Amino acid sequence: MSNGSLSSSKPIARIYHIIQWKHFDGYGFNLNTKKHIARHCIGKVDEGSSEKAAGLKQGDRIFQVSGVNIANGNHKQVVQRIKNTK
């Protein structure tokens, strides 16, 4: 099999270790949740945020926050878990 036959749309798992910068006010991104499929995705990533500097991209899916699987959590639960890690 040659590299040319590999699909470029195949998802790539990445782990981000993001530390909130003291000089940046906010969380650095919007969280979008698709209720019918229990999917938590990154919306807009704020310019100048530690999340942007770490490489977080719009459309990235979140599966864990601080080592805890959030796949079955609702939007409110996931937001609370993110807030508790900051």
Protein backbone atom coordinates (compact mmCIF):
# COMPACT_ATOMS: atom_id res chain seq x y z
CA MET A 1 0.00 0.00 0.00
CA SER A 2 1.37 3.41 -0.89
CA ASN A 3 0.92 6.60 1.11
CA GLY A 4 -1.20 7.97 -1.71
CA SER A 5 -3.97 5.49 -0.91
CA LEU A 6 -4.36 6.58 2.71
CA SER A 7 -7.37 8.79 3.36
CA SER A 8 -6.45 12.29 4.53
CA SER A 9 -9.86 12.62 6.20
CA LYS A 10 -9.13 9.89 8.75
CA PRO A 11 -9.31 11.35 12.27
CA ILE A 12 -6.10 11.77 14.21
CA ALA A 13 -6.18 11.54 18.00
CA ARG A 14 -4.32 14.32 19.79
CA ILE A 15 -3.84 15.01 23.48
CA TYR A 16 -3.73 18.63 24.59
CA HIS A 17 -2.36 19.73 27.93
CA ILE A 18 -3.61 23.28 28.20
CA ILE A 19 -2.76 25.64 31.04
CA GLN A 20 -4.88 28.77 31.27
CA TRP A 21 -2.79 31.93 30.94
CA LYS A 22 -3.35 34.42 33.75
CA HIS A 23 -3.36 37.36 31.33
CA PHE A 24 -6.15 35.79 29.19
CA ASP A 25 -9.72 36.27 30.38
CA GLY A 26 -12.02 33.39 29.47
CA TYR A 27 -11.74 29.76 28.47
CA GLY A 28 -10.30 30.23 25.00
CA PHE A 29 -12.92 28.34 23.02
CA ASN A 30 -16.62 27.66 22.58
CA LEU A 31 -17.98 24.18 23.22
CA ASN A 32 -20.59 22.84 20.82
CA THR A 33 -22.63 19.78 21.72
CA LYS A 34 -24.64 17.74 19.27
CA LYS A 35 -27.36 16.30 21.49
CA HIS A 36 -28.63 13.56 19.20
CA ILE A 37 -25.21 11.92 18.91
CA ALA A 38 -23.54 12.83 22.25
CA ARG A 39 -20.65 14.59 20.56
CA HIS A 40 -18.75 17.47 22.13
CA CYS A 41 -16.84 19.60 19.64
CA ILE A 42 -14.70 22.71 19.76
CA GLY A 43 -16.38 25.73 18.22
CA LYS A 44 -14.51 28.98 17.75
CA VAL A 45 -11.02 29.09 19.29
CA ASP A 46 -10.09 32.53 20.61
CA GLU A 47 -7.07 34.34 19.19
CA GLY A 48 -4.39 34.93 21.82
CA SER A 49 -5.56 32.04 24.00
CA SER A 50 -3.44 29.20 25.38
CA GLU A 51 -5.83 26.83 23.59
CA LYS A 52 -5.00 28.44 20.23
CA ALA A 53 -1.28 28.32 21.03
CA ALA A 54 -1.58 24.61 21.92
CA GLY A 55 -3.07 23.90 18.49
CA LEU A 56 -6.73 23.33 19.41
CA LYS A 57 -8.83 23.61 16.24
CA GLN A 58 -12.46 24.28 15.47
CA GLY A 59 -14.21 20.96 14.91
CA ASP A 60 -11.93 18.97 17.23
CA ARG A 61 -13.93 16.48 19.30
CA ILE A 62 -13.48 16.20 23.04
CA PHE A 63 -13.51 12.70 24.53
CA GLN A 64 -11.87 13.33 27.92
CA VAL A 65 -11.32 16.20 30.31
CA SER A 66 -8.59 15.68 32.91
CA GLY A 67 -8.58 11.96 32.18
CA VAL A 68 -12.35 11.54 32.63
CA ASN A 69 -14.41 10.22 29.71
CA ILE A 70 -17.11 12.82 28.93
CA ALA A 71 -18.73 11.06 25.97
CA ASN A 72 -21.98 10.41 27.86
CA GLY A 73 -22.08 13.75 29.66
CA ASN A 74 -24.48 16.48 28.65
CA HIS A 75 -23.34 19.97 27.66
CA LYS A 76 -23.77 21.40 31.16
CA GLN A 77 -21.77 18.57 32.77
CA VAL A 78 -18.90 18.91 30.29
CA VAL A 79 -18.75 22.69 30.71
CA GLN A 80 -18.65 22.25 34.49
CA ARG A 81 -15.83 19.70 34.24
CA ILE A 82 -13.84 22.10 32.04
CA LYS A 83 -14.43 24.96 34.48
CA ASN A 84 -13.29 22.79 37.38
CA THR A 85 -9.97 22.11 35.67
CA LYS A 86 -9.10 25.78 35.17
